[in-house]
C-alpha cells in the first residue's frame, strides 16, 4: 500500500495545490469585490476589510470542523451546537471562579474544559457512526437536537455573560496588526493541512471517503479512523466556541445557527467532493473569503438577513448544479 506522501495516495494531492481551481476561485472573488465596490462606495474601505477579518475566523473554524467528516464520506450537522455547548462550558467555568473577576488560570482551565467537551461530543458521534454503522447525518442530527435541547434547558433560553475584560482580546484584539481570531484560524488551517497531507490519519481519511469497504479489507482500522475524524471535528468546534464567546462577549445556544448552511456551501464551493474522498484546504479557505465578502457586501447594501439566508440556499443549489454540469461536460471534452 502506498504511504502518506506517496503519489498513489489521494492525500498526497496537497490542499495547497490545485492552482487552476484556486485561480478560478480567486477570479470569482475579484468579480464579487468589483460588483460590491461599484454598488457601494464604502465597500472598499478599512472598516469593511477589518469587519471581514474579524468575522471570517469563527465561520472558518466551523468549516474546518465540517471539512474532515465530509472528506471521510460523512457529515456533522451538530457543529454549531457543539461549539455553543463548548462555549457554555468555558462560560460556566469562569463564572464558578468569579465571573468578571476570574483570572487567567480560570480562563485557561475553562478553555481546556471547552475543548474537552467539544472533543467528547465528537467522540460520541464517531463511536456511534463507526461501531453501529448508523448514517452520519442521522447520528449528527440526533446529537444536534440533543445539544440544542440540553443547552436551552440549562440556560432557560437566555444568554450567559459577564466575563473578565481580557477575554475580549481574543475576539477583538490584534497582534502585529492582524486580528487575534485570524491568527487562530491560520494556525488551525496549517494544522489541518499537515493532518491531511503528512499523517497516516489523513491518508486513511481520504481512503475511507473513496471506498470504506476496500479500505477495511486493506487492513486499515476504519472504526478507529472514523472515531478520530469526529473527535477532531468536535475539537475544532470547541476552538470555534472559544472564539465565538470572545467575539460576542456572551453565549447563547442559538449563536451561529445560520453558519451550518454556509460551512457546507464553503466546502462544496471549495471543490470538496460531497461523497467523500477528495478535498483541499486552500480552495475551501478562498471559498470562505468569497462568502464572507458577499455577506459583508449584502450587509452594506442593507439586505434583509432572512433574504440573505435564502440566498445562501439558492447559491448552494447553483453550486451543485454547476458542479454536476462540469462533471458531465468536461469528460466528454477530454
C-alpha atoms as a PDB file:
ATOM      1  CA  UNK A   1       0.000   0.000   0.000  1.00  0.00           C
ATOM      2  CA  UNK A   2       1.235   3.496  -0.766  1.00  0.00           C
ATOM      3  CA  UNK A   3       2.359   5.651   2.125  1.00  0.00           C
ATOM      4  CA  UNK A   4       1.021   9.001   3.337  1.00  0.00           C
ATOM      5  CA  UNK A   5       3.099  11.031   0.907  1.00  0.00           C
ATOM      6  CA  UNK A   6       3.260   8.635  -1.994  1.00  0.00           C
ATOM      7  CA  UNK A   7       1.872   9.640  -5.409  1.00  0.00           C
ATOM      8  CA  UNK A   8      -0.762   6.931  -5.197  1.00  0.00           C
ATOM      9  CA  UNK A   9      -2.271   8.424  -2.081  1.00  0.00           C
ATOM     10  CA  UNK A  10      -5.094  10.954  -2.634  1.00  0.00           C
ATOM     11  CA  UNK A  11      -3.859  12.828   0.427  1.00  0.00           C
ATOM     12  CA  UNK A  12      -0.607  13.477  -1.378  1.00  0.00           C
ATOM     13  CA  UNK A  13      -2.531  15.854  -3.610  1.00  0.00           C
ATOM     14  CA  UNK A  14      -1.808  18.725  -1.289  1.00  0.00           C
ATOM     15  CA  UNK A  15      -4.634  21.017  -0.151  1.00  0.00           C
ATOM     16  CA  UNK A  16      -2.258  23.793  -1.119  1.00  0.00           C
ATOM     17  CA  UNK A  17      -2.089  22.513  -4.682  1.00  0.00           C
ATOM     18  CA  UNK A  18      -4.628  22.760  -7.478  1.00  0.00           C
ATOM     19  CA  UNK A  19      -3.619  26.168  -8.783  1.00  0.00           C
ATOM     20  CA  UNK A  20      -6.157  26.018 -11.628  1.00  0.00           C
ATOM     21  CA  UNK A  21      -9.157  25.629  -9.316  1.00  0.00           C
ATOM     22  CA  UNK A  22      -7.714  28.175  -6.880  1.00  0.00           C
ATOM     23  CA  UNK A  23      -7.188  30.593  -9.769  1.00  0.00           C
ATOM     24  CA  UNK A  24     -10.833  30.196 -10.755  1.00  0.00           C
ATOM     25  CA  UNK A  25     -11.983  30.924  -7.211  1.00  0.00           C
ATOM     26  CA  UNK A  26      -9.693  33.961  -6.979  1.00  0.00           C
ATOM     27  CA  UNK A  27     -11.132  35.236 -10.261  1.00  0.00           C
ATOM     28  CA  UNK A  28     -14.637  34.811  -8.874  1.00  0.00           C
ATOM     29  CA  UNK A  29     -13.556  36.655  -5.717  1.00  0.00           C
ATOM     30  CA  UNK A  30     -12.276  39.552  -7.832  1.00  0.00           C
ATOM     31  CA  UNK A  31     -15.628  39.742  -9.636  1.00  0.00           C
ATOM     32  CA  UNK A  32     -17.542  39.750  -6.339  1.00  0.00           C
ATOM     33  CA  UNK A  33     -15.335  42.530  -4.930  1.00  0.00           C
ATOM     34  CA  UNK A  34     -15.758  44.590  -8.106  1.00  0.00           C
ATOM     35  CA  UNK A  35     -19.558  44.218  -8.101  1.00  0.00           C
ATOM     36  CA  UNK A  36     -19.914  45.346  -4.485  1.00  0.00           C
ATOM     37  CA  UNK A  37     -17.364  48.142  -4.952  1.00  0.00           C
ATOM     38  CA  UNK A  38     -19.438  49.517  -7.819  1.00  0.00           C
ATOM     39  CA  UNK A  39     -22.654  49.082  -5.819  1.00  0.00           C
ATOM     40  CA  UNK A  40     -21.464  50.866  -2.686  1.00  0.00           C
ATOM     41  CA  UNK A  41     -18.629  53.385  -2.395  1.00  0.00           C
ATOM     42  CA  UNK A  42     -17.997  52.374   1.245  1.00  0.00           C
ATOM     43  CA  UNK A  43     -17.191  48.776   0.378  1.00  0.00           C
ATOM     44  CA  UNK A  44     -13.509  49.303  -0.431  1.00  0.00           C
ATOM     45  CA  UNK A  45     -12.671  50.791   2.951  1.00  0.00           C
ATOM     46  CA  UNK A  46     -10.652  49.897   6.025  1.00  0.00           C
ATOM     47  CA  UNK A  47     -13.665  49.255   8.276  1.00  0.00           C
ATOM     48  CA  UNK A  48     -15.146  46.817   5.758  1.00  0.00           C
ATOM     49  CA  UNK A  49     -11.980  44.758   5.460  1.00  0.00           C
ATOM     50  CA  UNK A  50     -11.471  44.864   9.235  1.00  0.00           C
ATOM     51  CA  UNK A  51     -15.010  43.555   9.682  1.00  0.00           C
ATOM     52  CA  UNK A  52     -14.327  40.726   7.240  1.00  0.00           C
ATOM     53  CA  UNK A  53     -11.068  39.856   9.014  1.00  0.00           C
ATOM     54  CA  UNK A  54     -12.775  39.619  12.412  1.00  0.00           C
ATOM     55  CA  UNK A  55     -15.883  37.741  11.223  1.00  0.00           C
ATOM     56  CA  UNK A  56     -14.170  35.211   8.949  1.00  0.00           C
ATOM     57  CA  UNK A  57     -12.386  33.102  11.632  1.00  0.00           C
ATOM     58  CA  UNK A  58     -15.421  31.788  13.510  1.00  0.00           C
ATOM     59  CA  UNK A  59     -17.008  30.677  10.239  1.00  0.00           C
ATOM     60  CA  UNK A  60     -13.654  29.330   9.066  1.00  0.00           C
ATOM     61  CA  UNK A  61     -13.153  27.216  12.187  1.00  0.00           C
ATOM     62  CA  UNK A  62     -16.619  25.699  11.871  1.00  0.00           C
ATOM     63  CA  UNK A  63     -15.932  24.969   8.197  1.00  0.00           C
ATOM     64  CA  UNK A  64     -12.741  23.126   9.144  1.00  0.00           C
ATOM     65  CA  UNK A  65     -14.849  21.133  11.608  1.00  0.00           C
ATOM     66  CA  UNK A  66     -17.163  20.207   8.723  1.00  0.00           C
ATOM     67  CA  UNK A  67     -14.369  19.548   6.216  1.00  0.00           C
ATOM     68  CA  UNK A  68     -12.824  16.334   7.554  1.00  0.00           C
ATOM     69  CA  UNK A  69     -16.146  14.495   8.085  1.00  0.00           C
ATOM     70  CA  UNK A  70     -17.186  15.331   4.510  1.00  0.00           C
ATOM     71  CA  UNK A  71     -13.845  14.112   3.107  1.00  0.00           C
ATOM     72  CA  UNK A  72     -14.377  10.852   5.017  1.00  0.00           C
ATOM     73  CA  UNK A  73     -17.751  10.460   3.313  1.00  0.00           C
ATOM     74  CA  UNK A  74     -19.746  11.638   6.319  1.00  0.00           C
ATOM     75  CA  UNK A  75     -21.309  14.791   7.728  1.00  0.00           C
ATOM     76  CA  UNK A  76     -21.566  16.690  11.004  1.00  0.00           C
ATOM     77  CA  UNK A  77     -24.798  18.618  11.447  1.00  0.00           C
ATOM     78  CA  UNK A  78     -24.017  19.306  15.111  1.00  0.00           C
ATOM     79  CA  UNK A  79     -21.069  21.675  14.604  1.00  0.00           C
ATOM     80  CA  UNK A  80     -22.757  24.913  15.712  1.00  0.00           C
ATOM     81  CA  UNK A  81     -24.378  23.419  18.802  1.00  0.00           C
ATOM     82  CA  UNK A  82     -21.168  21.615  19.728  1.00  0.00           C
ATOM     83  CA  UNK A  83     -19.417  24.994  19.545  1.00  0.00           C
ATOM     84  CA  UNK A  84     -22.102  26.620  21.699  1.00  0.00           C
ATOM     85  CA  UNK A  85     -22.039  23.889  24.362  1.00  0.00           C
ATOM     86  CA  UNK A  86     -18.233  24.173  24.441  1.00  0.00           C
ATOM     87  CA  UNK A  87     -18.540  27.947  24.848  1.00  0.00           C
ATOM     88  CA  UNK A  88     -21.069  27.440  27.652  1.00  0.00           C
ATOM     89  CA  UNK A  89     -18.567  25.158  29.385  1.00  0.00           C
ATOM     90  CA  UNK A  90     -15.972  27.946  29.264  1.00  0.00           C
ATOM     91  CA  UNK A  91     -18.528  30.500  30.484  1.00  0.00           C
ATOM     92  CA  UNK A  92     -19.660  28.374  33.421  1.00  0.00           C
ATOM     93  CA  UNK A  93     -16.076  27.641  34.421  1.00  0.00           C
ATOM     94  CA  UNK A  94     -15.242  31.351  34.587  1.00  0.00           C
ATOM     95  CA  UNK A  95     -18.438  32.100  36.480  1.00  0.00           C
ATOM     96  CA  UNK A  96     -17.542  29.416  39.006  1.00  0.00           C
ATOM     97  CA  UNK A  97     -14.244  31.231  39.623  1.00  0.00           C
ATOM     98  CA  UNK A  98     -15.587  34.750  39.990  1.00  0.00           C
ATOM     99  CA  UNK A  99     -17.162  35.711  36.666  1.00  0.00           C
ATOM    100  CA  UNK A 100     -15.932  39.204  35.800  1.00  0.00           C
ATOM    101  CA  UNK A 101     -13.180  38.846  38.407  1.00  0.00           C
ATOM    102  CA  UNK A 102     -11.955  35.456  37.153  1.00  0.00           C
ATOM    103  CA  UNK A 103      -8.215  35.238  36.494  1.00  0.00           C
ATOM    104  CA  UNK A 104      -6.219  33.836  33.626  1.00  0.00           C
ATOM    105  CA  UNK A 105      -5.894  30.489  35.394  1.00  0.00           C
ATOM    106  CA  UNK A 106      -9.670  30.068  35.421  1.00  0.00           C
ATOM    107  CA  UNK A 107      -9.784  31.065  31.756  1.00  0.00           C
ATOM    108  CA  UNK A 108      -7.147  28.504  30.770  1.00  0.00           C
ATOM    109  CA  UNK A 109      -8.981  25.828  32.778  1.00  0.00           C
ATOM    110  CA  UNK A 110     -12.219  26.815  31.043  1.00  0.00           C
ATOM    111  CA  UNK A 111     -10.621  26.644  27.587  1.00  0.00           C
ATOM    112  CA  UNK A 112      -9.249  23.171  28.306  1.00  0.00           C
ATOM    113  CA  UNK A 113     -12.677  22.078  29.553  1.00  0.00           C
ATOM    114  CA  UNK A 114     -14.370  23.580  26.479  1.00  0.00           C
ATOM    115  CA  UNK A 115     -12.031  21.758  24.101  1.00  0.00           C
ATOM    116  CA  UNK A 116     -12.511  18.560  26.071  1.00  0.00           C
ATOM    117  CA  UNK A 117     -16.299  18.824  25.876  1.00  0.00           C
ATOM    118  CA  UNK A 118     -16.162  19.510  22.135  1.00  0.00           C
ATOM    119  CA  UNK A 119     -13.867  16.542  21.567  1.00  0.00           C
ATOM    120  CA  UNK A 120     -16.052  14.298  23.754  1.00  0.00           C
ATOM    121  CA  UNK A 121     -19.197  15.202  21.796  1.00  0.00           C
ATOM    122  CA  UNK A 122     -17.383  14.394  18.567  1.00  0.00           C
ATOM    123  CA  UNK A 123     -16.072  11.142  20.045  1.00  0.00           C
ATOM    124  CA  UNK A 124     -19.590  10.021  20.976  1.00  0.00           C
ATOM    125  CA  UNK A 125     -20.778  10.657  17.411  1.00  0.00           C
ATOM    126  CA  UNK A 126     -17.713   8.924  15.990  1.00  0.00           C
ATOM    127  CA  UNK A 127     -18.255   5.816  18.112  1.00  0.00           C
ATOM    128  CA  UNK A 128     -21.933   5.661  17.133  1.00  0.00           C
ATOM    129  CA  UNK A 129     -21.108   6.012  13.437  1.00  0.00           C
ATOM    130  CA  UNK A 130     -18.107   3.692  13.402  1.00  0.00           C
ATOM    131  CA  UNK A 131     -19.373   0.847  15.594  1.00  0.00           C
ATOM    132  CA  UNK A 132     -23.107   0.764  14.794  1.00  0.00           C
ATOM    133  CA  UNK A 133     -22.976   1.601  11.098  1.00  0.00           C
ATOM    134  CA  UNK A 134     -25.555   4.381  11.578  1.00  0.00           C
ATOM    135  CA  UNK A 135     -25.571   7.063   8.915  1.00  0.00           C
ATOM    136  CA  UNK A 136     -23.536  10.179   9.900  1.00  0.00           C
ATOM    137  CA  UNK A 137     -26.421  12.503   9.008  1.00  0.00           C
ATOM    138  CA  UNK A 138     -28.801  10.685  11.362  1.00  0.00           C
ATOM    139  CA  UNK A 139     -26.255  10.486  14.195  1.00  0.00           C
ATOM    140  CA  UNK A 140     -25.198  14.136  13.924  1.00  0.00           C
ATOM    141  CA  UNK A 141     -28.834  15.262  13.561  1.00  0.00           C
ATOM    142  CA  UNK A 142     -29.709  13.383  16.740  1.00  0.00           C
ATOM    143  CA  UNK A 143     -26.755  14.957  18.521  1.00  0.00           C
ATOM    144  CA  UNK A 144     -27.750  18.410  17.251  1.00  0.00           C
ATOM    145  CA  UNK A 145     -31.284  18.014  18.629  1.00  0.00           C
ATOM    146  CA  UNK A 146     -29.955  16.699  21.945  1.00  0.00           C
ATOM    147  CA  UNK A 147     -27.421  19.520  22.375  1.00  0.00           C
ATOM    148  CA  UNK A 148     -29.952  22.177  21.459  1.00  0.00           C
ATOM    149  CA  UNK A 149     -32.485  20.870  23.954  1.00  0.00           C
ATOM    150  CA  UNK A 150     -29.847  20.425  26.655  1.00  0.00           C
ATOM    151  CA  UNK A 151     -28.481  23.920  26.123  1.00  0.00           C
ATOM    152  CA  UNK A 152     -31.935  25.540  26.141  1.00  0.00           C
ATOM    153  CA  UNK A 153     -32.801  23.655  29.332  1.00  0.00           C
ATOM    154  CA  UNK A 154     -29.607  24.623  31.148  1.00  0.00           C
ATOM    155  CA  UNK A 155     -29.703  28.302  30.093  1.00  0.00           C
ATOM    156  CA  UNK A 156     -33.516  28.619  30.097  1.00  0.00           C
ATOM    157  CA  UNK A 157     -33.226  30.068  26.613  1.00  0.00           C
ATOM    158  CA  UNK A 158     -31.193  33.055  27.765  1.00  0.00           C
ATOM    159  CA  UNK A 159     -27.648  34.358  27.383  1.00  0.00           C
ATOM    160  CA  UNK A 160     -24.702  33.738  29.668  1.00  0.00           C
ATOM    161  CA  UNK A 161     -22.439  36.766  30.034  1.00  0.00           C
ATOM    162  CA  UNK A 162     -20.167  38.567  32.479  1.00  0.00           C
ATOM    163  CA  UNK A 163     -16.552  37.744  31.652  1.00  0.00           C
ATOM    164  CA  UNK A 164     -13.193  39.340  32.530  1.00  0.00           C
ATOM    165  CA  UNK A 165     -12.085  42.209  30.238  1.00  0.00           C
ATOM    166  CA  UNK A 166      -9.064  40.279  28.931  1.00  0.00           C
ATOM    167  CA  UNK A 167     -11.364  37.707  27.283  1.00  0.00           C
ATOM    168  CA  UNK A 168     -12.438  40.250  24.670  1.00  0.00           C
ATOM    169  CA  UNK A 169      -8.828  40.498  23.455  1.00  0.00           C
ATOM    170  CA  UNK A 170      -9.132  37.024  21.918  1.00  0.00           C
ATOM    171  CA  UNK A 171     -12.159  38.140  19.904  1.00  0.00           C
ATOM    172  CA  UNK A 172     -11.352  41.791  19.206  1.00  0.00           C
ATOM    173  CA  UNK A 173      -7.635  42.319  19.812  1.00  0.00           C
ATOM    174  CA  UNK A 174      -4.813  42.392  17.276  1.00  0.00           C
ATOM    175  CA  UNK A 175      -1.275  41.018  17.221  1.00  0.00           C
ATOM    176  CA  UNK A 176       1.108  42.647  14.773  1.00  0.00           C
ATOM    177  CA  UNK A 177      -1.858  44.429  13.192  1.00  0.00           C
ATOM    178  CA  UNK A 178      -3.620  41.111  12.468  1.00  0.00           C
ATOM    179  CA  UNK A 179      -6.814  40.217  14.384  1.00  0.00           C
ATOM    180  CA  UNK A 180      -6.300  37.525  17.018  1.00  0.00           C
ATOM    181  CA  UNK A 181      -9.123  35.334  15.650  1.00  0.00           C
ATOM    182  CA  UNK A 182      -7.371  35.383  12.272  1.00  0.00           C
ATOM    183  CA  UNK A 183      -4.152  34.140  13.909  1.00  0.00           C
ATOM    184  CA  UNK A 184      -6.099  31.277  15.481  1.00  0.00           C
ATOM    185  CA  UNK A 185      -7.697  30.386  12.140  1.00  0.00           C
ATOM    186  CA  UNK A 186      -4.305  30.471  10.408  1.00  0.00           C
ATOM    187  CA  UNK A 187      -2.808  28.047  12.924  1.00  0.00           C
ATOM    188  CA  UNK A 188      -5.776  25.693  12.594  1.00  0.00           C
ATOM    189  CA  UNK A 189      -5.616  25.789   8.779  1.00  0.00           C
ATOM    190  CA  UNK A 190      -1.930  24.858   8.967  1.00  0.00           C
ATOM    191  CA  UNK A 191      -2.686  22.005  11.370  1.00  0.00           C
ATOM    192  CA  UNK A 192      -5.424  20.668   9.080  1.00  0.00           C
ATOM    193  CA  UNK A 193      -3.036  20.895   6.119  1.00  0.00           C
ATOM    194  CA  UNK A 194      -0.402  18.863   7.946  1.00  0.00           C
ATOM    195  CA  UNK A 195      -3.005  16.394   9.170  1.00  0.00           C
ATOM    196  CA  UNK A 196      -4.418  15.741   5.709  1.00  0.00           C
ATOM    197  CA  UNK A 197      -1.129  15.561   3.808  1.00  0.00           C
ATOM    198  CA  UNK A 198       1.582  14.405   6.217  1.00  0.00           C
ATOM    199  CA  UNK A 199      -0.019  11.890   8.555  1.00  0.00           C
ATOM    200  CA  UNK A 200      -1.279   8.346   8.334  1.00  0.00           C
ATOM    201  CA  UNK A 201      -4.635   9.527   9.675  1.00  0.00           C
ATOM    202  CA  UNK A 202      -5.021  11.955   6.779  1.00  0.00           C
ATOM    203  CA  UNK A 203      -4.251   9.177   4.297  1.00  0.00           C
ATOM    204  CA  UNK A 204      -6.829   6.944   5.963  1.00  0.00           C
ATOM    205  CA  UNK A 205      -9.468   9.686   5.875  1.00  0.00           C
ATOM    206  CA  UNK A 206      -9.138  10.047   2.104  1.00  0.00           C
ATOM    207  CA  UNK A 207      -9.172   6.279   1.619  1.00  0.00           C
ATOM    208  CA  UNK A 208     -12.329   5.848   3.712  1.00  0.00           C
ATOM    209  CA  UNK A 209     -14.034   8.627   1.790  1.00  0.00           C
ATOM    210  CA  UNK A 210     -13.133   6.958  -1.503  1.00  0.00           C
ATOM    211  CA  UNK A 211     -14.223   3.421  -0.564  1.00  0.00           C
ATOM    212  CA  UNK A 212     -14.690   2.377   3.031  1.00  0.00           C
ATOM    213  CA  UNK A 213     -15.104  -1.333   2.268  1.00  0.00           C
ATOM    214  CA  UNK A 214     -11.907  -1.501   0.220  1.00  0.00           C
ATOM    215  CA  UNK A 215     -10.139   0.436   2.951  1.00  0.00           C
ATOM    216  CA  UNK A 216     -11.310  -2.041   5.585  1.00  0.00           C
ATOM    217  CA  UNK A 217     -10.121  -5.009   3.510  1.00  0.00           C
ATOM    218  CA  UNK A 218      -6.739  -3.338   3.021  1.00  0.00           C
ATOM    219  CA  UNK A 219      -6.100  -3.615   6.764  1.00  0.00           C
ATOM    220  CA  UNK A 220      -6.860  -0.054   7.890  1.00  0.00           C
ATOM    221  CA  UNK A 221      -8.801   0.248  11.152  1.00  0.00           C
ATOM    222  CA  UNK A 222     -11.749   2.200   9.756  1.00  0.00           C
ATOM    223  CA  UNK A 223     -13.590   2.298  13.086  1.00  0.00           C
ATOM    224  CA  UNK A 224     -10.690   3.950  14.867  1.00  0.00           C
ATOM    225  CA  UNK A 225     -10.197   6.381  11.991  1.00  0.00           C
ATOM    226  CA  UNK A 226     -13.861   7.441  11.879  1.00  0.00           C
ATOM    227  CA  UNK A 227     -13.877   7.906  15.642  1.00  0.00           C
ATOM    228  CA  UNK A 228     -10.819  10.162  15.371  1.00  0.00           C
ATOM    229  CA  UNK A 229     -12.401  12.088  12.472  1.00  0.00           C
ATOM    230  CA  UNK A 230     -15.419  13.125  14.536  1.00  0.00           C
ATOM    231  CA  UNK A 231     -13.353  13.664  17.681  1.00  0.00           C
ATOM    232  CA  UNK A 232     -11.154  16.128  15.765  1.00  0.00           C
ATOM    233  CA  UNK A 233     -14.250  17.750  14.283  1.00  0.00           C
ATOM    234  CA  UNK A 234     -15.626  18.243  17.801  1.00  0.00           C
ATOM    235  CA  UNK A 235     -12.281  19.604  18.980  1.00  0.00           C
ATOM    236  CA  UNK A 236     -12.337  22.193  16.204  1.00  0.00           C
ATOM    237  CA  UNK A 237     -15.886  23.095  17.230  1.00  0.00           C
ATOM    238  CA  UNK A 238     -14.541  23.677  20.742  1.00  0.00           C
ATOM    239  CA  UNK A 239     -11.971  26.132  19.376  1.00  0.00           C
ATOM    240  CA  UNK A 240     -14.725  27.863  17.412  1.00  0.00           C
ATOM    241  CA  UNK A 241     -16.816  28.105  20.583  1.00  0.00           C
ATOM    242  CA  UNK A 242     -13.973  29.816  22.463  1.00  0.00           C
ATOM    243  CA  UNK A 243     -13.576  32.355  19.649  1.00  0.00           C
ATOM    244  CA  UNK A 244     -17.324  32.952  19.412  1.00  0.00           C
ATOM    245  CA  UNK A 245     -17.593  33.611  23.146  1.00  0.00           C
ATOM    246  CA  UNK A 246     -14.756  36.115  22.903  1.00  0.00           C
ATOM    247  CA  UNK A 247     -16.316  37.811  19.861  1.00  0.00           C
ATOM    248  CA  UNK A 248     -19.874  38.139  21.206  1.00  0.00           C
ATOM    249  CA  UNK A 249     -18.841  38.505  24.880  1.00  0.00           C
ATOM    250  CA  UNK A 250     -21.772  36.228  25.664  1.00  0.00           C
ATOM    251  CA  UNK A 251     -23.017  32.714  24.940  1.00  0.00           C
ATOM    252  CA  UNK A 252     -26.415  31.596  23.732  1.00  0.00           C
ATOM    253  CA  UNK A 253     -27.368  28.166  22.451  1.00  0.00           C
ATOM    254  CA  UNK A 254     -28.617  29.601  19.153  1.00  0.00           C
ATOM    255  CA  UNK A 255     -25.472  31.562  18.298  1.00  0.00           C
ATOM    256  CA  UNK A 256     -24.329  30.929  14.738  1.00  0.00           C
ATOM    257  CA  UNK A 257     -27.201  28.663  13.664  1.00  0.00           C
ATOM    258  CA  UNK A 258     -27.034  30.097  10.137  1.00  0.00           C
ATOM    259  CA  UNK A 259     -23.360  29.101   9.907  1.00  0.00           C
ATOM    260  CA  UNK A 260     -24.222  25.451   9.279  1.00  0.00           C
ATOM    261  CA  UNK A 261     -25.510  26.083   5.766  1.00  0.00           C
ATOM    262  CA  UNK A 262     -22.598  28.384   4.940  1.00  0.00           C
ATOM    263  CA  UNK A 263     -19.985  25.856   6.070  1.00  0.00           C
ATOM    264  CA  UNK A 264     -21.474  23.249   3.730  1.00  0.00           C
ATOM    265  CA  UNK A 265     -21.609  25.823   0.936  1.00  0.00           C
ATOM    266  CA  UNK A 266     -17.967  26.783   1.538  1.00  0.00           C
ATOM    267  CA  UNK A 267     -16.852  23.151   1.330  1.00  0.00           C
ATOM    268  CA  UNK A 268     -18.710  22.471  -1.905  1.00  0.00           C
ATOM    269  CA  UNK A 269     -17.702  25.802  -3.450  1.00  0.00           C
ATOM    270  CA  UNK A 270     -14.121  24.879  -2.499  1.00  0.00           C
ATOM    271  CA  UNK A 271     -14.394  21.712  -4.617  1.00  0.00           C
ATOM    272  CA  UNK A 272     -14.750  19.229  -1.765  1.00  0.00           C
ATOM    273  CA  UNK A 273     -16.408  16.073  -3.061  1.00  0.00           C
ATOM    274  CA  UNK A 274     -19.807  15.749  -1.296  1.00  0.00           C
ATOM    275  CA  UNK A 275     -19.457  11.948  -1.471  1.00  0.00           C
ATOM    276  CA  UNK A 276     -16.031  11.971   0.185  1.00  0.00           C
ATOM    277  CA  UNK A 277     -12.510  11.094  -0.888  1.00  0.00           C
ATOM    278  CA  UNK A 278     -11.311  14.469  -2.107  1.00  0.00           C
ATOM    279  CA  UNK A 279     -10.932  17.968  -0.693  1.00  0.00           C
ATOM    280  CA  UNK A 280      -8.271  20.641  -0.355  1.00  0.00           C
ATOM    281  CA  UNK A 281      -7.802  23.189   2.402  1.00  0.00           C
ATOM    282  CA  UNK A 282      -6.777  26.239   0.375  1.00  0.00           C
ATOM    283  CA  UNK A 283      -9.715  26.249  -2.097  1.00  0.00           C
ATOM    284  CA  UNK A 284     -12.075  25.957   0.865  1.00  0.00           C
ATOM    285  CA  UNK A 285     -10.324  28.898   2.526  1.00  0.00           C
ATOM    286  CA  UNK A 286     -10.688  31.012  -0.638  1.00  0.00           C
ATOM    287  CA  UNK A 287     -14.365  29.983  -0.857  1.00  0.00           C
ATOM    288  CA  UNK A 288     -14.816  31.169   2.742  1.00  0.00           C
ATOM    289  CA  UNK A 289     -13.360  34.558   1.863  1.00  0.00           C
ATOM    290  CA  UNK A 290     -15.765  34.810  -1.099  1.00  0.00           C
ATOM    291  CA  UNK A 291     -18.782  34.053   1.077  1.00  0.00           C
ATOM    292  CA  UNK A 292     -17.681  36.442   3.832  1.00  0.00           C
ATOM    293  CA  UNK A 293     -17.113  39.224   1.279  1.00  0.00           C
ATOM    294  CA  UNK A 294     -20.578  38.582  -0.118  1.00  0.00           C
ATOM    295  CA  UNK A 295     -22.096  38.682   3.383  1.00  0.00           C
ATOM    296  CA  UNK A 296     -20.371  41.983   4.184  1.00  0.00           C
ATOM    297  CA  UNK A 297     -21.378  43.450   0.825  1.00  0.00           C
ATOM    298  CA  UNK A 298     -25.014  42.482   1.301  1.00  0.00           C
ATOM    299  CA  UNK A 299     -24.941  43.974   4.785  1.00  0.00           C
ATOM    300  CA  UNK A 300     -23.664  47.280   3.409  1.00  0.00           C
ATOM    301  CA  UNK A 301     -26.441  47.253   0.811  1.00  0.00           C
ATOM    302  CA  UNK A 302     -28.966  46.836   3.622  1.00  0.00           C
ATOM    303  CA  UNK A 303     -30.170  43.379   2.567  1.00  0.00           C
ATOM    304  CA  UNK A 304     -32.599  41.680   4.925  1.00  0.00           C
ATOM    305  CA  UNK A 305     -30.918  38.957   6.997  1.00  0.00           C
ATOM    306  CA  UNK A 306     -33.596  36.394   6.158  1.00  0.00           C
ATOM    307  CA  UNK A 307     -33.293  37.223   2.461  1.00  0.00           C
ATOM    308  CA  UNK A 308     -29.520  36.721   2.722  1.00  0.00           C
ATOM    309  CA  UNK A 309     -30.054  33.291   4.327  1.00  0.00           C
ATOM    310  CA  UNK A 310     -32.415  32.348   1.499  1.00  0.00           C
ATOM    311  CA  UNK A 311     -29.776  33.476  -0.976  1.00  0.00           C
ATOM    312  CA  UNK A 312     -27.214  31.099   0.569  1.00  0.00           C
ATOM    313  CA  UNK A 313     -29.612  28.216  -0.042  1.00  0.00           C
ATOM    314  CA  UNK A 314     -30.118  29.201  -3.687  1.00  0.00           C
ATOM    315  CA  UNK A 315     -26.369  29.670  -4.082  1.00  0.00           C
ATOM    316  CA  UNK A 316     -25.723  26.173  -2.705  1.00  0.00           C
ATOM    317  CA  UNK A 317     -28.131  24.682  -5.248  1.00  0.00           C
ATOM    318  CA  UNK A 318     -26.447  26.629  -8.069  1.00  0.00           C
ATOM    319  CA  UNK A 319     -23.005  25.411  -6.985  1.00  0.00           C
ATOM    320  CA  UNK A 320     -24.190  21.800  -7.010  1.00  0.00           C
ATOM    321  CA  UNK A 321     -25.865  22.189 -10.420  1.00  0.00           C
ATOM    322  CA  UNK A 322     -22.745  23.799 -11.906  1.00  0.00           C
ATOM    323  CA  UNK A 323     -20.531  21.051 -10.484  1.00  0.00           C
ATOM    324  CA  UNK A 324     -22.865  18.411 -11.902  1.00  0.00           C
ATOM    325  CA  UNK A 325     -22.752  20.088 -15.301  1.00  0.00           C
ATOM    326  CA  UNK A 326     -18.969  20.338 -15.283  1.00  0.00           C
ATOM    327  CA  UNK A 327     -18.637  16.694 -14.245  1.00  0.00           C
ATOM    328  CA  UNK A 328     -20.714  15.661 -17.268  1.00  0.00           C
ATOM    329  CA  UNK A 329     -19.277  18.112 -19.793  1.00  0.00           C
ATOM    330  CA  UNK A 330     -15.530  18.023 -19.076  1.00  0.00           C
ATOM    331  CA  UNK A 331     -15.076  14.243 -19.502  1.00  0.00           C
ATOM    332  CA  UNK A 332     -16.761  14.487 -22.928  1.00  0.00           C
ATOM    333  CA  UNK A 333     -14.404  17.309 -23.887  1.00  0.00           C
ATOM    334  CA  UNK A 334     -11.421  15.199 -22.881  1.00  0.00           C
END
